[in-house]
Amino acid sequence: MTAAEFERIQSRLGRLTVDTVQIARRVLVDGKSQAEVAGETGLSRQRVSKMVQRVMAAANEFPPDWERVDEWMPPELAKQVRALAAEARTHMQEKIMLDAHEIEDRRRAVANAIASQRLEGLEVDAQTRAELDQVALGELEPADVIASIRRRLVAND
């Protein structure tokens, strides 16, 4: 997570302690391992892990474009609004679960592709591996990786 991304989620972290947010930032933004942060702070690795999990849960609780609505209305309308909000949260959580499964499937496909290349006696370079990891996360399309490999091959000729 970049520093800018971490700053954007600050409004969602209001109920967490300053220490929890700062410790999670050291792991999520600064790139330190949970064990390193635990050693530096005197906390257990498990405690640091829980702090990071709480920050991530708070950050992912609602999509960034959702808005909080606090209005007075008749009870029946309030009941309908709550039902709509619950339905939207359920739909969002189902989508997150699908996305997590899709990422895992993509990671498996990338690992299988790399293993297949190794069986053929070919090694996949670090840049291609990094690009394939981006494909697994949905950040890059396979066609982009192919184009990148072709550009590197042409440049090496």
C-alpha atoms as a PDB file:
ATOM      1  CA  MET A   1       0.000   0.000   0.000  1.00  0.00           C
ATOM      2  CA  THR A   2       1.363   3.422  -0.869  1.00  0.00           C
ATOM      3  CA  ALA A   3       1.480   6.327   1.568  1.00  0.00           C
ATOM      4  CA  ALA A   4      -1.192   8.107  -0.495  1.00  0.00           C
ATOM      5  CA  GLU A   5      -3.495   5.064  -0.345  1.00  0.00           C
ATOM      6  CA  PHE A   6      -2.975   4.856   3.412  1.00  0.00           C
ATOM      7  CA  GLU A   7      -3.838   8.547   3.771  1.00  0.00           C
ATOM      8  CA  ARG A   8      -7.073   8.020   1.816  1.00  0.00           C
ATOM      9  CA  ILE A   9      -8.280   5.398   4.315  1.00  0.00           C
ATOM     10  CA  GLN A  10      -7.586   7.537   7.406  1.00  0.00           C
ATOM     11  CA  SER A  11     -11.224   8.621   7.711  1.00  0.00           C
ATOM     12  CA  ARG A  12     -12.221   4.963   8.069  1.00  0.00           C
ATOM     13  CA  LEU A  13      -9.787   4.343  10.934  1.00  0.00           C
ATOM     14  CA  GLY A  14     -11.277   6.781  13.450  1.00  0.00           C
ATOM     15  CA  ARG A  15     -12.330   4.125  15.951  1.00  0.00           C
ATOM     16  CA  LEU A  16      -8.825   2.588  16.066  1.00  0.00           C
ATOM     17  CA  THR A  17      -6.124   3.834  18.428  1.00  0.00           C
ATOM     18  CA  VAL A  18      -3.310   6.005  17.100  1.00  0.00           C
ATOM     19  CA  ASP A  19      -0.812   3.279  18.080  1.00  0.00           C
ATOM     20  CA  THR A  20      -2.695   0.646  16.083  1.00  0.00           C
ATOM     21  CA  VAL A  21      -2.773   2.864  12.997  1.00  0.00           C
ATOM     22  CA  GLN A  22       0.914   3.815  13.293  1.00  0.00           C
ATOM     23  CA  ILE A  23       2.047   0.218  13.775  1.00  0.00           C
ATOM     24  CA  ALA A  24      -0.058  -0.991  10.853  1.00  0.00           C
ATOM     25  CA  ARG A  25       1.402   1.789   8.696  1.00  0.00           C
ATOM     26  CA  ARG A  26       4.930   0.530   9.404  1.00  0.00           C
ATOM     27  CA  VAL A  27       3.916  -2.864   8.000  1.00  0.00           C
ATOM     28  CA  LEU A  28       1.564  -1.815   5.196  1.00  0.00           C
ATOM     29  CA  VAL A  29       3.332   1.305   3.909  1.00  0.00           C
ATOM     30  CA  ASP A  30       6.921   1.162   5.139  1.00  0.00           C
ATOM     31  CA  GLY A  31       7.235  -2.495   4.139  1.00  0.00           C
ATOM     32  CA  LYS A  32       8.572  -3.768   7.448  1.00  0.00           C
ATOM     33  CA  SER A  33       7.760  -7.313   8.447  1.00  0.00           C
ATOM     34  CA  GLN A  34       5.414  -7.907  11.345  1.00  0.00           C
ATOM     35  CA  ALA A  35       8.299  -9.572  13.200  1.00  0.00           C
ATOM     36  CA  GLU A  36      10.488  -6.461  12.730  1.00  0.00           C
ATOM     37  CA  VAL A  37       7.776  -4.148  14.025  1.00  0.00           C
ATOM     38  CA  ALA A  38       7.098  -6.497  16.935  1.00  0.00           C
ATOM     39  CA  GLY A  39      10.789  -6.446  17.869  1.00  0.00           C
ATOM     40  CA  GLU A  40      10.990  -2.660  17.604  1.00  0.00           C
ATOM     41  CA  THR A  41       7.862  -2.046  19.692  1.00  0.00           C
ATOM     42  CA  GLY A  42       8.144  -4.852  22.229  1.00  0.00           C
ATOM     43  CA  LEU A  43       4.796  -6.284  21.149  1.00  0.00           C
ATOM     44  CA  SER A  44       4.260  -9.893  20.132  1.00  0.00           C
ATOM     45  CA  ARG A  45       4.170 -10.692  16.411  1.00  0.00           C
ATOM     46  CA  GLN A  46       0.604 -11.938  16.899  1.00  0.00           C
ATOM     47  CA  ARG A  47      -0.428  -8.597  18.436  1.00  0.00           C
ATOM     48  CA  VAL A  48       1.097  -6.692  15.501  1.00  0.00           C
ATOM     49  CA  SER A  49      -0.692  -9.056  13.111  1.00  0.00           C
ATOM     50  CA  LYS A  50      -4.040  -8.352  14.819  1.00  0.00           C
ATOM     51  CA  MET A  51      -3.405  -4.590  14.582  1.00  0.00           C
ATOM     52  CA  VAL A  52      -2.717  -4.853  10.852  1.00  0.00           C
ATOM     53  CA  GLN A  53      -5.824  -7.013  10.407  1.00  0.00           C
ATOM     54  CA  ARG A  54      -7.979  -4.446  12.246  1.00  0.00           C
ATOM     55  CA  VAL A  55      -6.710  -1.615  10.034  1.00  0.00           C
ATOM     56  CA  MET A  56      -7.314  -3.645   6.867  1.00  0.00           C
ATOM     57  CA  ALA A  57     -10.802  -4.647   8.055  1.00  0.00           C
ATOM     58  CA  ALA A  58     -11.684  -1.013   8.780  1.00  0.00           C
ATOM     59  CA  ALA A  59     -10.260   0.108   5.433  1.00  0.00           C
ATOM     60  CA  ASN A  60     -12.206  -2.528   3.526  1.00  0.00           C
ATOM     61  CA  GLU A  61     -15.447  -2.223   5.474  1.00  0.00           C
ATOM     62  CA  PHE A  62     -17.083  -0.049   2.807  1.00  0.00           C
ATOM     63  CA  PRO A  63     -16.084   0.885  -0.755  1.00  0.00           C
ATOM     64  CA  PRO A  64     -14.362   4.288  -0.982  1.00  0.00           C
ATOM     65  CA  ASP A  65     -17.227   5.852  -2.936  1.00  0.00           C
ATOM     66  CA  TRP A  66     -19.900   4.989  -0.346  1.00  0.00           C
ATOM     67  CA  GLU A  67     -21.361   7.811   1.733  1.00  0.00           C
ATOM     68  CA  ARG A  68     -22.730   7.844   5.247  1.00  0.00           C
ATOM     69  CA  VAL A  69     -26.338   9.088   5.411  1.00  0.00           C
ATOM     70  CA  ASP A  70     -27.739  10.421   8.667  1.00  0.00           C
ATOM     71  CA  GLU A  71     -31.293  11.690   8.147  1.00  0.00           C
ATOM     72  CA  TRP A  72     -34.560  11.822  10.080  1.00  0.00           C
ATOM     73  CA  MET A  73     -37.433   9.920   8.456  1.00  0.00           C
ATOM     74  CA  PRO A  74     -40.603   7.983   9.272  1.00  0.00           C
ATOM     75  CA  PRO A  75     -40.006   4.536  10.840  1.00  0.00           C
ATOM     76  CA  GLU A  76     -41.261   2.619   7.800  1.00  0.00           C
ATOM     77  CA  LEU A  77     -38.945   4.511   5.463  1.00  0.00           C
ATOM     78  CA  ALA A  78     -36.036   4.025   7.889  1.00  0.00           C
ATOM     79  CA  LYS A  79     -36.746   0.284   7.848  1.00  0.00           C
ATOM     80  CA  GLN A  80     -36.639   0.284   4.026  1.00  0.00           C
ATOM     81  CA  VAL A  81     -33.383   2.277   3.968  1.00  0.00           C
ATOM     82  CA  ARG A  82     -31.776  -0.129   6.466  1.00  0.00           C
ATOM     83  CA  ALA A  83     -32.899  -3.091   4.344  1.00  0.00           C
ATOM     84  CA  LEU A  84     -31.422  -1.502   1.208  1.00  0.00           C
ATOM     85  CA  ALA A  85     -28.151  -0.783   3.032  1.00  0.00           C
ATOM     86  CA  ALA A  86     -27.971  -4.370   4.328  1.00  0.00           C
ATOM     87  CA  GLU A  87     -28.608  -5.706   0.826  1.00  0.00           C
ATOM     88  CA  ALA A  88     -25.873  -3.464  -0.603  1.00  0.00           C
ATOM     89  CA  ARG A  89     -23.386  -4.593   2.100  1.00  0.00           C
ATOM     90  CA  THR A  90     -24.202  -8.245   1.403  1.00  0.00           C
ATOM     91  CA  HIS A  91     -23.704  -7.719  -2.323  1.00  0.00           C
ATOM     92  CA  MET A  92     -20.390  -5.937  -1.663  1.00  0.00           C
ATOM     93  CA  GLN A  93     -19.152  -8.744   0.612  1.00  0.00           C
ATOM     94  CA  GLU A  94     -20.103 -11.382  -1.970  1.00  0.00           C
ATOM     95  CA  LYS A  95     -18.143  -9.441  -4.598  1.00  0.00           C
ATOM     96  CA  ILE A  96     -15.105  -9.234  -2.303  1.00  0.00           C
ATOM     97  CA  MET A  97     -15.266 -13.011  -1.769  1.00  0.00           C
ATOM     98  CA  LEU A  98     -15.522 -13.599  -5.524  1.00  0.00           C
ATOM     99  CA  ASP A  99     -12.588 -11.251  -6.116  1.00  0.00           C
ATOM    100  CA  ALA A 100     -10.497 -13.108  -3.512  1.00  0.00           C
ATOM    101  CA  HIS A 101     -11.283 -16.462  -5.151  1.00  0.00           C
ATOM    102  CA  GLU A 102     -10.506 -15.051  -8.600  1.00  0.00           C
ATOM    103  CA  ILE A 103      -7.132 -13.748  -7.396  1.00  0.00           C
ATOM    104  CA  GLU A 104      -6.305 -17.151  -5.902  1.00  0.00           C
ATOM    105  CA  ASP A 105      -7.280 -18.870  -9.171  1.00  0.00           C
ATOM    106  CA  ARG A 106      -5.122 -16.422 -11.136  1.00  0.00           C
ATOM    107  CA  ARG A 107      -2.162 -16.975  -8.790  1.00  0.00           C
ATOM    108  CA  ARG A 108      -2.509 -20.711  -9.286  1.00  0.00           C
ATOM    109  CA  ALA A 109      -2.612 -20.249 -13.072  1.00  0.00           C
ATOM    110  CA  VAL A 110       0.522 -18.073 -12.970  1.00  0.00           C
ATOM    111  CA  ALA A 111       2.362 -20.628 -10.818  1.00  0.00           C
ATOM    112  CA  ASN A 112       1.335 -23.411 -13.215  1.00  0.00           C
ATOM    113  CA  ALA A 113       2.517 -21.389 -16.226  1.00  0.00           C
ATOM    114  CA  ILE A 114       5.914 -20.776 -14.620  1.00  0.00           C
ATOM    115  CA  ALA A 115       6.224 -24.450 -13.646  1.00  0.00           C
ATOM    116  CA  SER A 116       5.346 -25.454 -17.209  1.00  0.00           C
ATOM    117  CA  GLN A 117       8.096 -23.212 -18.577  1.00  0.00           C
ATOM    118  CA  ARG A 118      10.623 -24.728 -16.167  1.00  0.00           C
ATOM    119  CA  LEU A 119       9.630 -28.223 -17.284  1.00  0.00           C
ATOM    120  CA  GLU A 120      10.475 -27.097 -20.818  1.00  0.00           C
ATOM    121  CA  GLY A 121      13.918 -26.040 -19.590  1.00  0.00           C
ATOM    122  CA  LEU A 122      13.110 -22.322 -19.724  1.00  0.00           C
ATOM    123  CA  GLU A 123      13.548 -19.884 -16.865  1.00  0.00           C
ATOM    124  CA  VAL A 124      11.128 -17.007 -16.300  1.00  0.00           C
ATOM    125  CA  ASP A 125      13.028 -13.784 -15.552  1.00  0.00           C
ATOM    126  CA  ALA A 126      12.289 -11.601 -12.523  1.00  0.00           C
ATOM    127  CA  GLN A 127      10.562  -8.853 -14.515  1.00  0.00           C
ATOM    128  CA  THR A 128       8.203 -11.319 -16.186  1.00  0.00           C
ATOM    129  CA  ARG A 129       7.487 -12.956 -12.815  1.00  0.00           C
ATOM    130  CA  ALA A 130       6.651  -9.539 -11.344  1.00  0.00           C
ATOM    131  CA  GLU A 131       4.375  -8.762 -14.296  1.00  0.00           C
ATOM    132  CA  LEU A 132       2.655 -12.137 -13.928  1.00  0.00           C
ATOM    133  CA  ASP A 133       2.058 -11.374 -10.250  1.00  0.00           C
ATOM    134  CA  GLN A 134       0.326  -8.174 -11.399  1.00  0.00           C
ATOM    135  CA  VAL A 135      -1.823 -10.275 -13.752  1.00  0.00           C
ATOM    136  CA  ALA A 136      -2.811 -12.474 -10.800  1.00  0.00           C
ATOM    137  CA  LEU A 137      -3.922  -9.378  -8.878  1.00  0.00           C
ATOM    138  CA  GLY A 138      -5.897  -8.098 -11.854  1.00  0.00           C
ATOM    139  CA  GLU A 139      -3.629  -5.051 -12.198  1.00  0.00           C
ATOM    140  CA  LEU A 140      -2.276  -6.060 -15.613  1.00  0.00           C
ATOM    141  CA  GLU A 141      -3.676  -7.988 -18.553  1.00  0.00           C
ATOM    142  CA  PRO A 142      -1.863 -11.036 -20.005  1.00  0.00           C
ATOM    143  CA  ALA A 143      -1.623  -9.221 -23.353  1.00  0.00           C
ATOM    144  CA  ASP A 144       0.388  -6.478 -21.618  1.00  0.00           C
ATOM    145  CA  VAL A 145       2.887  -9.057 -20.346  1.00  0.00           C
ATOM    146  CA  ILE A 146       3.219 -10.568 -23.819  1.00  0.00           C
ATOM    147  CA  ALA A 147       3.836  -7.103 -25.290  1.00  0.00           C
ATOM    148  CA  SER A 148       6.429  -6.373 -22.606  1.00  0.00           C
ATOM    149  CA  ILE A 149       8.268  -9.645 -23.308  1.00  0.00           C
ATOM    150  CA  ARG A 150       8.248  -8.911 -27.038  1.00  0.00           C
ATOM    151  CA  ARG A 151       9.656  -5.404 -26.456  1.00  0.00           C
ATOM    152  CA  ARG A 152      12.459  -6.815 -24.322  1.00  0.00           C
ATOM    153  CA  LEU A 153      13.232  -9.506 -26.906  1.00  0.00           C
ATOM    154  CA  VAL A 154      13.386  -6.929 -29.721  1.00  0.00           C
ATOM    155  CA  ALA A 155      15.592  -4.657 -27.599  1.00  0.00           C
ATOM    156  CA  ASN A 156      18.016  -7.546 -26.955  1.00  0.00           C
ATOM    157  CA  ASP A 157      18.389  -8.383 -30.672  1.00  0.00           C
END
